[in-house]
Amino acid sequence: MKLLFAHGWGFDRHFWEPLAALLPEWAHVSDDRGYFGTPHEPAVEGPCLAITHSFGTMRVLAAPPPGLMGIVAINGFERFTAVPGRPGVPVRVLDRMLRRFETDPRGVLAEFRKTCGSTEAFGEIDPEALAADLLRLRDAAPSLPDVPVLAIHGGADPLLPPEMRAATFTGAQVRRIDHEAGGHLLPLQAPQFCAAAIRGMLA
């Protein structure tokens, strides 16, 4: 079994280093959307478990690898914005981000990362890649594959409303674990907690 790590909007493959280091028994690959450098789409052959964060979950759902056996969705979701009958982040929030992004992409990204809980500096950005995926965050709603899902959420997540977290992955083969004090960057804030949950999923 190989682990496929997929990061969220505004981050890159290095996001996973603390968590991946706690799971040395399993071979792993990390994708990279290229927000801060060269994109990387690893070829995944054979059975794999996807470990996703935030928007990374939507990306894996939109293009699941052939050997996908399950998903550990950390702070994840299959739709980000609210629609009638489905809670989420208000569409107006994304519209405001998209408008500002046209003139101040670095400012929008820095503010988003700060909201998530990260004040770490970042280098040069690829505004086109970030803008394209910000639009996907606004509109996309990929379907769920027929695989088990472990949903891990933070009880103090500043980005995802509580009712949205509770409604994620409805109808899927889903098991839920909450980190009561955790925020939106659980792989960085609570890597031991996440690693134990992943080990349980693999078992």
N, C-alpha and C. Protein backbone atom coordinates (compact mmCIF):
# COMPACT_ATOMS: atom_id res chain seq x y z
N MET A 1 0.85 -1.20 0.00
CA MET A 1 0.00 0.00 0.00
C MET A 1 0.88 1.24 0.00
N LYS A 2 0.62 2.13 -0.93
CA LYS A 2 1.36 3.39 -1.00
C LYS A 2 0.47 4.52 -0.51
N LEU A 3 1.08 5.52 0.11
CA LEU A 3 0.35 6.70 0.56
C LEU A 3 0.53 7.82 -0.45
N LEU A 4 -0.58 8.44 -0.84
CA LEU A 4 -0.56 9.59 -1.74
C LEU A 4 -1.00 10.81 -0.94
N PHE A 5 -0.11 11.78 -0.78
CA PHE A 5 -0.42 13.00 -0.05
C PHE A 5 -0.81 14.10 -1.03
N ALA A 6 -1.93 14.77 -0.75
CA ALA A 6 -2.43 15.86 -1.61
C ALA A 6 -2.72 17.08 -0.74
N HIS A 7 -1.99 18.17 -0.97
CA HIS A 7 -2.10 19.36 -0.14
C HIS A 7 -3.27 20.23 -0.56
N GLY A 8 -3.56 21.22 0.27
CA GLY A 8 -4.67 22.13 0.02
C GLY A 8 -4.25 23.41 -0.69
N TRP A 9 -5.22 24.31 -0.87
CA TRP A 9 -4.99 25.57 -1.57
C TRP A 9 -4.05 26.44 -0.76
N GLY A 10 -3.04 27.00 -1.46
CA GLY A 10 -2.13 27.92 -0.81
C GLY A 10 -0.95 27.26 -0.12
N PHE A 11 -0.78 25.93 -0.29
CA PHE A 11 0.34 25.23 0.32
C PHE A 11 1.02 24.38 -0.76
N ASP A 12 2.00 23.58 -0.37
CA ASP A 12 2.70 22.73 -1.33
C ASP A 12 3.08 21.41 -0.68
N ARG A 13 3.87 20.61 -1.36
CA ARG A 13 4.18 19.26 -0.88
C ARG A 13 4.93 19.26 0.46
N HIS A 14 5.64 20.34 0.76
CA HIS A 14 6.40 20.41 2.01
C HIS A 14 5.48 20.44 3.23
N PHE A 15 4.23 20.79 3.01
CA PHE A 15 3.23 20.79 4.09
C PHE A 15 3.19 19.44 4.80
N TRP A 16 3.45 18.36 4.06
CA TRP A 16 3.27 17.01 4.59
C TRP A 16 4.50 16.45 5.31
N GLU A 17 5.60 17.14 5.29
CA GLU A 17 6.84 16.55 5.80
C GLU A 17 6.75 16.10 7.27
N PRO A 18 6.19 16.90 8.19
CA PRO A 18 6.11 16.43 9.58
C PRO A 18 5.27 15.15 9.74
N LEU A 19 4.16 15.07 9.02
CA LEU A 19 3.29 13.89 9.14
C LEU A 19 3.89 12.68 8.44
N ALA A 20 4.42 12.86 7.24
CA ALA A 20 5.01 11.74 6.50
C ALA A 20 6.16 11.12 7.28
N ALA A 21 6.90 11.94 8.02
CA ALA A 21 8.03 11.42 8.79
C ALA A 21 7.59 10.48 9.89
N LEU A 22 6.33 10.56 10.30
CA LEU A 22 5.80 9.69 11.35
C LEU A 22 5.24 8.38 10.80
N LEU A 23 5.28 8.21 9.48
CA LEU A 23 4.73 7.00 8.84
C LEU A 23 5.78 6.36 7.94
N PRO A 24 6.94 6.04 8.50
CA PRO A 24 8.06 5.57 7.66
C PRO A 24 7.86 4.17 7.09
N GLU A 25 6.91 3.40 7.63
CA GLU A 25 6.72 2.02 7.16
C GLU A 25 6.15 1.95 5.76
N TRP A 26 5.51 3.03 5.31
CA TRP A 26 4.82 2.99 4.03
C TRP A 26 5.50 3.90 3.01
N ALA A 27 5.66 3.40 1.81
CA ALA A 27 6.15 4.25 0.73
C ALA A 27 5.11 5.34 0.47
N HIS A 28 5.58 6.50 0.10
CA HIS A 28 4.63 7.59 -0.14
C HIS A 28 5.13 8.51 -1.25
N VAL A 29 4.17 9.21 -1.84
CA VAL A 29 4.46 10.26 -2.81
C VAL A 29 3.58 11.45 -2.46
N SER A 30 4.06 12.64 -2.80
CA SER A 30 3.31 13.87 -2.54
C SER A 30 3.16 14.64 -3.85
N ASP A 31 1.94 15.05 -4.14
CA ASP A 31 1.77 15.88 -5.33
C ASP A 31 2.06 17.33 -5.00
N ASP A 32 2.12 18.17 -6.01
CA ASP A 32 2.38 19.59 -5.80
C ASP A 32 1.72 20.35 -6.93
N ARG A 33 0.83 21.27 -6.60
CA ARG A 33 0.10 22.02 -7.62
C ARG A 33 0.95 23.11 -8.26
N GLY A 34 2.13 23.38 -7.72
CA GLY A 34 2.98 24.37 -8.35
C GLY A 34 2.67 25.80 -7.98
N TYR A 35 2.04 26.02 -6.85
CA TYR A 35 1.74 27.39 -6.43
C TYR A 35 3.02 28.19 -6.18
N PHE A 36 4.09 27.49 -5.78
CA PHE A 36 5.33 28.17 -5.41
C PHE A 36 6.53 27.66 -6.21
N GLY A 37 6.29 26.91 -7.25
CA GLY A 37 7.40 26.36 -8.02
C GLY A 37 6.89 25.39 -9.07
N THR A 38 7.66 24.37 -9.35
CA THR A 38 7.32 23.42 -10.40
C THR A 38 6.23 22.46 -9.95
N PRO A 39 5.15 22.30 -10.72
CA PRO A 39 4.12 21.32 -10.36
C PRO A 39 4.67 19.90 -10.41
N HIS A 40 4.07 19.02 -9.63
CA HIS A 40 4.48 17.62 -9.64
C HIS A 40 3.23 16.76 -9.49
N GLU A 41 2.98 15.92 -10.50
CA GLU A 41 1.86 14.98 -10.46
C GLU A 41 2.43 13.57 -10.50
N PRO A 42 2.64 12.95 -9.35
CA PRO A 42 3.26 11.63 -9.32
C PRO A 42 2.35 10.56 -9.90
N ALA A 43 2.93 9.64 -10.63
CA ALA A 43 2.18 8.47 -11.10
C ALA A 43 2.05 7.49 -9.94
N VAL A 44 0.86 7.07 -9.67
CA VAL A 44 0.61 6.15 -8.55
C VAL A 44 0.10 4.83 -9.11
N GLU A 45 0.91 3.81 -8.99
CA GLU A 45 0.55 2.49 -9.49
C GLU A 45 0.26 1.56 -8.32
N GLY A 46 -0.74 0.73 -8.48
CA GLY A 46 -1.09 -0.23 -7.44
C GLY A 46 -1.96 0.39 -6.36
N PRO A 47 -2.27 -0.38 -5.32
CA PRO A 47 -3.15 0.10 -4.26
C PRO A 47 -2.56 1.31 -3.54
N CYS A 48 -3.42 2.27 -3.23
CA CYS A 48 -2.95 3.44 -2.50
C CYS A 48 -4.04 3.97 -1.59
N LEU A 49 -3.59 4.64 -0.54
CA LEU A 49 -4.47 5.36 0.37
C LEU A 49 -4.15 6.84 0.20
N ALA A 50 -5.17 7.64 -0.11
CA ALA A 50 -4.96 9.08 -0.28
C ALA A 50 -5.08 9.77 1.07
N ILE A 51 -4.06 10.55 1.41
CA ILE A 51 -4.08 11.39 2.60
C ILE A 51 -4.22 12.82 2.09
N THR A 52 -5.35 13.43 2.34
CA THR A 52 -5.63 14.72 1.73
C THR A 52 -5.86 15.79 2.79
N HIS A 53 -5.57 17.02 2.42
CA HIS A 53 -5.86 18.14 3.31
C HIS A 53 -6.70 19.17 2.58
N SER A 54 -7.81 19.56 3.20
CA SER A 54 -8.63 20.66 2.72
C SER A 54 -8.97 20.50 1.23
N PHE A 55 -8.62 21.46 0.39
CA PHE A 55 -8.92 21.40 -1.04
C PHE A 55 -8.26 20.21 -1.73
N GLY A 56 -7.20 19.67 -1.15
CA GLY A 56 -6.58 18.47 -1.70
C GLY A 56 -7.56 17.32 -1.80
N THR A 57 -8.53 17.29 -0.90
CA THR A 57 -9.56 16.25 -0.95
C THR A 57 -10.37 16.37 -2.23
N MET A 58 -10.79 17.57 -2.55
CA MET A 58 -11.56 17.78 -3.78
C MET A 58 -10.74 17.39 -5.01
N ARG A 59 -9.45 17.66 -4.97
CA ARG A 59 -8.61 17.33 -6.12
C ARG A 59 -8.51 15.83 -6.34
N VAL A 60 -8.36 15.08 -5.26
CA VAL A 60 -8.30 13.62 -5.39
C VAL A 60 -9.65 13.06 -5.82
N LEU A 61 -10.73 13.62 -5.29
CA LEU A 61 -12.05 13.15 -5.70
C LEU A 61 -12.30 13.40 -7.18
N ALA A 62 -11.77 14.50 -7.69
CA ALA A 62 -11.98 14.84 -9.10
C ALA A 62 -11.18 13.94 -10.04
N ALA A 63 -10.06 13.40 -9.56
CA ALA A 63 -9.22 12.54 -10.40
C ALA A 63 -8.60 11.44 -9.55
N PRO A 64 -9.42 10.50 -9.06
CA PRO A 64 -8.89 9.47 -8.18
C PRO A 64 -7.93 8.53 -8.92
N PRO A 65 -6.83 8.17 -8.29
CA PRO A 65 -5.92 7.21 -8.93
C PRO A 65 -6.59 5.85 -9.08
N PRO A 66 -6.20 5.06 -10.08
CA PRO A 66 -6.88 3.78 -10.36
C PRO A 66 -6.89 2.82 -9.19
N GLY A 67 -5.84 2.83 -8.37
CA GLY A 67 -5.76 1.89 -7.27
C GLY A 67 -6.23 2.43 -5.93
N LEU A 68 -7.03 3.49 -5.95
CA LEU A 68 -7.47 4.12 -4.70
C LEU A 68 -8.27 3.14 -3.85
N MET A 69 -7.81 2.92 -2.61
CA MET A 69 -8.47 2.00 -1.69
C MET A 69 -9.21 2.72 -0.57
N GLY A 70 -8.91 4.00 -0.37
CA GLY A 70 -9.55 4.76 0.70
C GLY A 70 -8.98 6.16 0.75
N ILE A 71 -9.64 7.01 1.54
CA ILE A 71 -9.22 8.40 1.68
C ILE A 71 -9.23 8.77 3.16
N VAL A 72 -8.15 9.37 3.61
CA VAL A 72 -8.13 10.02 4.92
C VAL A 72 -8.18 11.52 4.63
N ALA A 73 -9.34 12.11 4.84
CA ALA A 73 -9.57 13.52 4.50
C ALA A 73 -9.41 14.35 5.77
N ILE A 74 -8.31 15.09 5.86
CA ILE A 74 -8.01 15.90 7.03
C ILE A 74 -8.43 17.33 6.74
N ASN A 75 -9.34 17.85 7.57
CA ASN A 75 -9.93 19.18 7.30
C ASN A 75 -10.50 19.22 5.89
N GLY A 76 -11.02 18.10 5.40
CA GLY A 76 -11.41 17.99 4.00
C GLY A 76 -12.90 18.13 3.76
N PHE A 77 -13.25 18.17 2.48
CA PHE A 77 -14.64 18.37 2.06
C PHE A 77 -14.74 18.02 0.59
N GLU A 78 -15.97 17.70 0.14
CA GLU A 78 -16.20 17.46 -1.27
C GLU A 78 -16.82 18.68 -1.97
N ARG A 79 -17.29 19.64 -1.17
CA ARG A 79 -17.72 20.93 -1.72
C ARG A 79 -17.41 21.99 -0.68
N PHE A 80 -16.90 23.14 -1.13
CA PHE A 80 -16.46 24.17 -0.20
C PHE A 80 -17.55 25.20 0.07
N THR A 81 -18.22 25.66 -0.98
CA THR A 81 -19.19 26.73 -0.82
C THR A 81 -20.59 26.18 -0.56
N ALA A 82 -21.39 26.99 0.11
CA ALA A 82 -22.75 26.60 0.46
C ALA A 82 -23.66 26.64 -0.76
N VAL A 83 -24.60 25.71 -0.80
CA VAL A 83 -25.68 25.71 -1.78
C VAL A 83 -26.96 25.41 -1.01
N PRO A 84 -28.13 25.68 -1.59
CA PRO A 84 -29.37 25.41 -0.88
C PRO A 84 -29.43 23.96 -0.37
N GLY A 85 -29.65 23.83 0.92
CA GLY A 85 -29.73 22.51 1.51
C GLY A 85 -28.39 21.90 1.88
N ARG A 86 -27.31 22.61 1.62
CA ARG A 86 -25.97 22.08 1.91
C ARG A 86 -25.11 23.18 2.51
N PRO A 87 -24.76 23.07 3.80
CA PRO A 87 -23.97 24.13 4.42
C PRO A 87 -22.55 24.17 3.89
N GLY A 88 -21.96 25.34 3.96
CA GLY A 88 -20.59 25.54 3.51
C GLY A 88 -20.18 26.98 3.73
N VAL A 89 -19.07 27.36 3.15
CA VAL A 89 -18.60 28.73 3.22
C VAL A 89 -19.43 29.57 2.24
N PRO A 90 -19.92 30.73 2.65
CA PRO A 90 -20.73 31.55 1.74
C PRO A 90 -20.00 31.86 0.43
N VAL A 91 -20.71 31.77 -0.67
CA VAL A 91 -20.11 32.04 -1.98
C VAL A 91 -19.53 33.45 -2.04
N ARG A 92 -20.16 34.39 -1.35
CA ARG A 92 -19.67 35.77 -1.39
C ARG A 92 -18.25 35.89 -0.87
N VAL A 93 -17.85 35.00 0.04
CA VAL A 93 -16.47 35.02 0.55
C VAL A 93 -15.49 34.71 -0.57
N LEU A 94 -15.81 33.70 -1.38
CA LEU A 94 -14.95 33.35 -2.51
C LEU A 94 -14.97 34.43 -3.58
N ASP A 95 -16.14 35.00 -3.83
CA ASP A 95 -16.24 36.07 -4.82
C ASP A 95 -15.36 37.26 -4.42
N ARG A 96 -15.37 37.59 -3.14
CA ARG A 96 -14.55 38.70 -2.66
C ARG A 96 -13.06 38.36 -2.82
N MET A 97 -12.68 37.13 -2.50
CA MET A 97 -11.29 36.71 -2.66
C MET A 97 -10.87 36.78 -4.12
N LEU A 98 -11.74 36.31 -5.02
CA LEU A 98 -11.41 36.31 -6.45
C LEU A 98 -11.24 37.73 -6.98
N ARG A 99 -12.09 38.65 -6.54
CA ARG A 99 -11.97 40.03 -7.00
C ARG A 99 -10.65 40.65 -6.51
N ARG A 100 -10.35 40.46 -5.26
CA ARG A 100 -9.10 41.00 -4.70
C ARG A 100 -7.88 40.34 -5.31
N PHE A 101 -8.03 39.07 -5.65
CA PHE A 101 -6.88 38.32 -6.17
C PHE A 101 -6.37 38.91 -7.48
N GLU A 102 -7.26 39.52 -8.24
CA GLU A 102 -6.86 40.10 -9.52
C GLU A 102 -5.81 41.19 -9.35
N THR A 103 -5.85 41.92 -8.24
CA THR A 103 -4.93 43.05 -8.03
C THR A 103 -3.91 42.79 -6.92
N ASP A 104 -4.21 41.87 -6.00
CA ASP A 104 -3.32 41.65 -4.86
C ASP A 104 -3.27 40.16 -4.50
N PRO A 105 -2.74 39.33 -5.40
CA PRO A 105 -2.74 37.89 -5.13
C PRO A 105 -1.94 37.50 -3.89
N ARG A 106 -0.80 38.13 -3.66
CA ARG A 106 -0.01 37.79 -2.48
C ARG A 106 -0.74 38.17 -1.19
N GLY A 107 -1.43 39.30 -1.22
CA GLY A 107 -2.18 39.71 -0.05
C GLY A 107 -3.31 38.76 0.28
N VAL A 108 -4.02 38.32 -0.76
CA VAL A 108 -5.11 37.37 -0.54
C VAL A 108 -4.58 36.05 0.01
N LEU A 109 -3.48 35.58 -0.56
CA LEU A 109 -2.90 34.33 -0.11
C LEU A 109 -2.41 34.44 1.33
N ALA A 110 -1.74 35.52 1.66
CA ALA A 110 -1.23 35.71 3.02
C ALA A 110 -2.38 35.76 4.02
N GLU A 111 -3.46 36.44 3.66
CA GLU A 111 -4.61 36.54 4.56
C GLU A 111 -5.27 35.17 4.75
N PHE A 112 -5.38 34.41 3.66
CA PHE A 112 -5.98 33.09 3.75
C PHE A 112 -5.14 32.19 4.66
N ARG A 113 -3.83 32.18 4.44
CA ARG A 113 -2.96 31.34 5.25
C ARG A 113 -3.01 31.74 6.72
N LYS A 114 -3.10 33.03 6.98
CA LYS A 114 -3.21 33.49 8.37
C LYS A 114 -4.51 33.03 9.00
N THR A 115 -5.60 33.09 8.23
CA THR A 115 -6.89 32.60 8.73
C THR A 115 -6.80 31.12 9.09
N CYS A 116 -6.08 30.36 8.26
CA CYS A 116 -5.92 28.92 8.51
C CYS A 116 -5.05 28.64 9.73
N GLY A 117 -4.16 29.60 10.08
CA GLY A 117 -3.29 29.40 11.22
C GLY A 117 -1.82 29.40 10.89
N SER A 118 -1.46 29.81 9.67
CA SER A 118 -0.06 29.82 9.25
C SER A 118 0.40 31.24 8.97
N THR A 119 1.46 31.66 9.65
CA THR A 119 2.08 32.95 9.39
C THR A 119 3.46 32.78 8.76
N GLU A 120 3.77 31.56 8.32
CA GLU A 120 5.06 31.27 7.70
C GLU A 120 5.19 32.02 6.38
N ALA A 121 6.37 32.59 6.16
CA ALA A 121 6.61 33.32 4.91
C ALA A 121 6.60 32.36 3.73
N PHE A 122 6.27 32.91 2.54
CA PHE A 122 6.30 32.10 1.33
C PHE A 122 7.00 32.87 0.23
N GLY A 123 7.50 32.14 -0.76
CA GLY A 123 8.29 32.75 -1.83
C GLY A 123 7.46 33.22 -2.99
N GLU A 124 8.06 33.18 -4.18
CA GLU A 124 7.36 33.59 -5.39
C GLU A 124 6.16 32.68 -5.64
N ILE A 125 5.10 33.24 -6.18
CA ILE A 125 3.88 32.46 -6.40
C ILE A 125 3.54 32.40 -7.88
N ASP A 126 2.71 31.43 -8.23
CA ASP A 126 2.15 31.33 -9.57
C ASP A 126 0.69 31.77 -9.48
N PRO A 127 0.39 33.04 -9.75
CA PRO A 127 -0.98 33.53 -9.59
C PRO A 127 -2.00 32.77 -10.43
N GLU A 128 -1.60 32.32 -11.63
CA GLU A 128 -2.56 31.64 -12.50
C GLU A 128 -3.01 30.32 -11.88
N ALA A 129 -2.07 29.55 -11.35
CA ALA A 129 -2.44 28.27 -10.73
C ALA A 129 -3.31 28.50 -9.51
N LEU A 130 -2.96 29.49 -8.69
CA LEU A 130 -3.74 29.78 -7.50
C LEU A 130 -5.14 30.27 -7.85
N ALA A 131 -5.25 31.14 -8.87
CA ALA A 131 -6.55 31.66 -9.26
C ALA A 131 -7.44 30.56 -9.83
N ALA A 132 -6.86 29.67 -10.64
CA ALA A 132 -7.64 28.58 -11.22
C ALA A 132 -8.22 27.68 -10.14
N ASP A 133 -7.42 27.40 -9.12
CA ASP A 133 -7.91 26.51 -8.07
C ASP A 133 -8.83 27.24 -7.10
N LEU A 134 -8.66 28.54 -6.96
CA LEU A 134 -9.61 29.31 -6.15
C LEU A 134 -11.00 29.26 -6.79
N LEU A 135 -11.04 29.30 -8.12
CA LEU A 135 -12.31 29.19 -8.82
C LEU A 135 -12.90 27.79 -8.63
N ARG A 136 -12.05 26.77 -8.63
CA ARG A 136 -12.52 25.40 -8.36
C ARG A 136 -13.09 25.30 -6.95
N LEU A 137 -12.44 25.97 -6.00
CA LEU A 137 -12.96 25.98 -4.63
C LEU A 137 -14.36 26.58 -4.59
N ARG A 138 -14.59 27.57 -5.43
CA ARG A 138 -15.89 28.21 -5.45
C ARG A 138 -16.97 27.31 -6.03
N ASP A 139 -16.65 26.60 -7.11
CA ASP A 139 -17.71 25.98 -7.91
C ASP A 139 -17.72 24.45 -7.94
N ALA A 140 -16.59 23.81 -7.73
CA ALA A 140 -16.51 22.36 -7.96
C ALA A 140 -17.21 21.56 -6.86
N ALA A 141 -17.71 20.41 -7.26
CA ALA A 141 -18.35 19.48 -6.32
C ALA A 141 -18.18 18.06 -6.86
N PRO A 142 -16.97 17.53 -6.82
CA PRO A 142 -16.74 16.19 -7.38
C PRO A 142 -17.49 15.12 -6.60
N SER A 143 -17.82 14.05 -7.29
CA SER A 143 -18.56 12.95 -6.64
C SER A 143 -17.60 12.08 -5.84
N LEU A 144 -18.17 11.33 -4.92
CA LEU A 144 -17.38 10.48 -4.05
C LEU A 144 -17.19 9.10 -4.67
N PRO A 145 -15.96 8.60 -4.72
CA PRO A 145 -15.76 7.23 -5.19
C PRO A 145 -16.24 6.23 -4.14
N ASP A 146 -16.43 5.03 -4.55
CA ASP A 146 -16.95 3.99 -3.66
C ASP A 146 -15.81 3.37 -2.85
N VAL A 147 -15.24 4.16 -1.96
CA VAL A 147 -14.16 3.70 -1.09
C VAL A 147 -14.41 4.24 0.31
N PRO A 148 -13.86 3.60 1.33
CA PRO A 148 -14.01 4.12 2.70
C PRO A 148 -13.35 5.49 2.85
N VAL A 149 -13.96 6.33 3.67
CA VAL A 149 -13.43 7.66 3.95
C VAL A 149 -13.31 7.84 5.46
N LEU A 150 -12.15 8.27 5.90
CA LEU A 150 -11.97 8.69 7.28
C LEU A 150 -11.87 10.20 7.28
N ALA A 151 -12.85 10.87 7.89
CA ALA A 151 -12.89 12.33 7.93
C ALA A 151 -12.38 12.80 9.29
N ILE A 152 -11.32 13.58 9.26
CA ILE A 152 -10.73 14.12 10.49
C ILE A 152 -10.90 15.63 10.47
N HIS A 153 -11.57 16.16 11.48
CA HIS A 153 -11.81 17.60 11.54
C HIS A 153 -11.35 18.16 12.87
N GLY A 154 -11.06 19.45 12.86
CA GLY A 154 -10.71 20.17 14.07
C GLY A 154 -11.93 20.87 14.63
N GLY A 155 -12.15 20.71 15.93
CA GLY A 155 -13.30 21.34 16.56
C GLY A 155 -13.22 22.85 16.63
N ALA A 156 -12.00 23.39 16.43
CA ALA A 156 -11.81 24.84 16.45
C ALA A 156 -11.37 25.35 15.07
N ASP A 157 -11.78 24.66 14.02
CA ASP A 157 -11.41 25.05 12.66
C ASP A 157 -11.97 26.44 12.34
N PRO A 158 -11.10 27.42 12.05
CA PRO A 158 -11.61 28.77 11.79
C PRO A 158 -12.13 28.97 10.37
N LEU A 159 -11.93 27.98 9.50
CA LEU A 159 -12.30 28.13 8.10
C LEU A 159 -13.62 27.43 7.78
N LEU A 160 -13.82 26.24 8.31
CA LEU A 160 -14.99 25.42 7.98
C LEU A 160 -16.03 25.52 9.10
N PRO A 161 -17.23 26.00 8.80
CA PRO A 161 -18.27 26.10 9.83
C PRO A 161 -18.63 24.72 10.39
N PRO A 162 -19.03 24.66 11.68
CA PRO A 162 -19.36 23.37 12.30
C PRO A 162 -20.40 22.56 11.53
N GLU A 163 -21.44 23.24 11.03
CA GLU A 163 -22.49 22.52 10.31
C GLU A 163 -21.96 21.96 8.98
N MET A 164 -20.98 22.63 8.39
CA MET A 164 -20.37 22.13 7.16
C MET A 164 -19.54 20.88 7.47
N ARG A 165 -18.77 20.93 8.55
CA ARG A 165 -17.94 19.78 8.91
C ARG A 165 -18.80 18.55 9.16
N ALA A 166 -19.94 18.75 9.81
CA ALA A 166 -20.82 17.63 10.13
C ALA A 166 -21.48 17.04 8.90
N ALA A 167 -21.60 17.83 7.83
CA ALA A 167 -22.33 17.39 6.63
C ALA A 167 -21.41 16.83 5.55
N THR A 168 -20.09 16.84 5.77
CA THR A 168 -19.19 16.36 4.73
C THR A 168 -19.37 14.86 4.49
N PHE A 169 -19.22 14.48 3.23
CA PHE A 169 -19.19 13.07 2.81
C PHE A 169 -20.47 12.31 3.17
N THR A 170 -21.59 13.00 3.08
CA THR A 170 -22.87 12.36 3.35
C THR A 170 -23.10 11.20 2.38
N GLY A 171 -23.48 10.07 2.91
CA GLY A 171 -23.78 8.92 2.07
C GLY A 171 -22.59 8.06 1.75
N ALA A 172 -21.38 8.52 2.10
CA ALA A 172 -20.19 7.73 1.82
C ALA A 172 -19.96 6.71 2.94
N GLN A 173 -19.02 5.81 2.70
CA GLN A 173 -18.59 4.88 3.73
C GLN A 173 -17.65 5.67 4.65
N VAL A 174 -18.24 6.47 5.52
CA VAL A 174 -17.45 7.45 6.25
C VAL A 174 -17.40 7.15 7.74
N ARG A 175 -16.21 7.34 8.30
CA ARG A 175 -16.01 7.33 9.74
C ARG A 175 -15.42 8.68 10.10
N ARG A 176 -15.82 9.22 11.25
CA ARG A 176 -15.41 10.56 11.62
C ARG A 176 -14.62 10.57 12.92
N ILE A 177 -13.56 11.37 12.93
CA ILE A 177 -12.77 11.61 14.13
C ILE A 177 -12.58 13.11 14.26
N ASP A 178 -12.80 13.63 15.46
CA ASP A 178 -12.62 15.06 15.70
C ASP A 178 -11.50 15.29 16.70
N HIS A 179 -10.68 16.29 16.41
CA HIS A 179 -9.70 16.78 17.36
C HIS A 179 -10.31 18.04 17.95
N GLU A 180 -10.79 17.95 19.17
CA GLU A 180 -11.63 19.00 19.74
C GLU A 180 -10.97 20.38 19.70
N ALA A 181 -9.68 20.43 19.96
CA ALA A 181 -9.00 21.73 20.03
C ALA A 181 -8.30 22.08 18.72
N GLY A 182 -8.39 21.22 17.72
CA GLY A 182 -7.64 21.40 16.48
C GLY A 182 -8.22 22.45 15.57
N GLY A 183 -7.36 23.05 14.76
CA GLY A 183 -7.78 24.05 13.79
C GLY A 183 -7.84 23.49 12.39
N HIS A 184 -7.48 24.32 11.40
CA HIS A 184 -7.58 23.90 10.00
C HIS A 184 -6.29 23.30 9.46
N LEU A 185 -5.24 23.31 10.26
CA LEU A 185 -3.96 22.76 9.79
C LEU A 185 -3.55 21.58 10.66
N LEU A 186 -4.45 20.62 10.82
CA LEU A 186 -4.20 19.50 11.71
C LEU A 186 -2.91 18.73 11.39
N PRO A 187 -2.55 18.51 10.11
CA PRO A 187 -1.30 17.79 9.87
C PRO A 187 -0.07 18.49 10.43
N LEU A 188 -0.14 19.82 10.58
CA LEU A 188 0.96 20.57 11.18
C LEU A 188 0.76 20.75 12.67
N GLN A 189 -0.47 20.95 13.10
CA GLN A 189 -0.77 21.24 14.49
C GLN A 189 -0.81 19.99 15.36
N ALA A 190 -1.22 18.88 14.78
CA ALA A 190 -1.37 17.64 15.55
C ALA A 190 -0.95 16.44 14.70
N PRO A 191 0.32 16.40 14.26
CA PRO A 191 0.76 15.31 13.38
C PRO A 191 0.68 13.93 14.03
N GLN A 192 0.96 13.84 15.33
CA GLN A 192 0.89 12.54 16.01
C GLN A 192 -0.55 12.02 15.99
N PHE A 193 -1.50 12.91 16.24
CA PHE A 193 -2.92 12.55 16.21
C PHE A 193 -3.32 12.04 14.83
N CYS A 194 -2.90 12.77 13.80
CA CYS A 194 -3.23 12.37 12.43
C CYS A 194 -2.56 11.05 12.07
N ALA A 195 -1.30 10.87 12.47
CA ALA A 195 -0.59 9.63 12.15
C ALA A 195 -1.27 8.43 12.80
N ALA A 196 -1.73 8.59 14.04
CA ALA A 196 -2.42 7.48 14.71
C ALA A 196 -3.72 7.13 13.99
N ALA A 197 -4.43 8.15 13.51
CA ALA A 197 -5.67 7.90 12.78
C ALA A 197 -5.40 7.20 11.47
N ILE A 198 -4.34 7.60 10.77
CA ILE A 198 -3.98 6.96 9.50
C ILE A 198 -3.59 5.51 9.73
N ARG A 199 -2.83 5.27 10.79
CA ARG A 199 -2.46 3.88 11.10
C ARG A 199 -3.70 3.03 11.35
N GLY A 200 -4.67 3.60 12.03
CA GLY A 200 -5.91 2.88 12.27
C GLY A 200 -6.64 2.56 10.98
N MET A 201 -6.63 3.52 10.06
CA MET A 201 -7.28 3.30 8.76
C MET A 201 -6.55 2.20 7.99
N LEU A 202 -5.23 2.22 8.02
CA LEU A 202 -4.45 1.20 7.30
C LEU A 202 -4.65 -0.18 7.91
N ALA A 203 -4.87 -0.22 9.21
CA ALA A 203 -5.08 -1.52 9.86
C ALA A 203 -6.43 -2.11 9.50
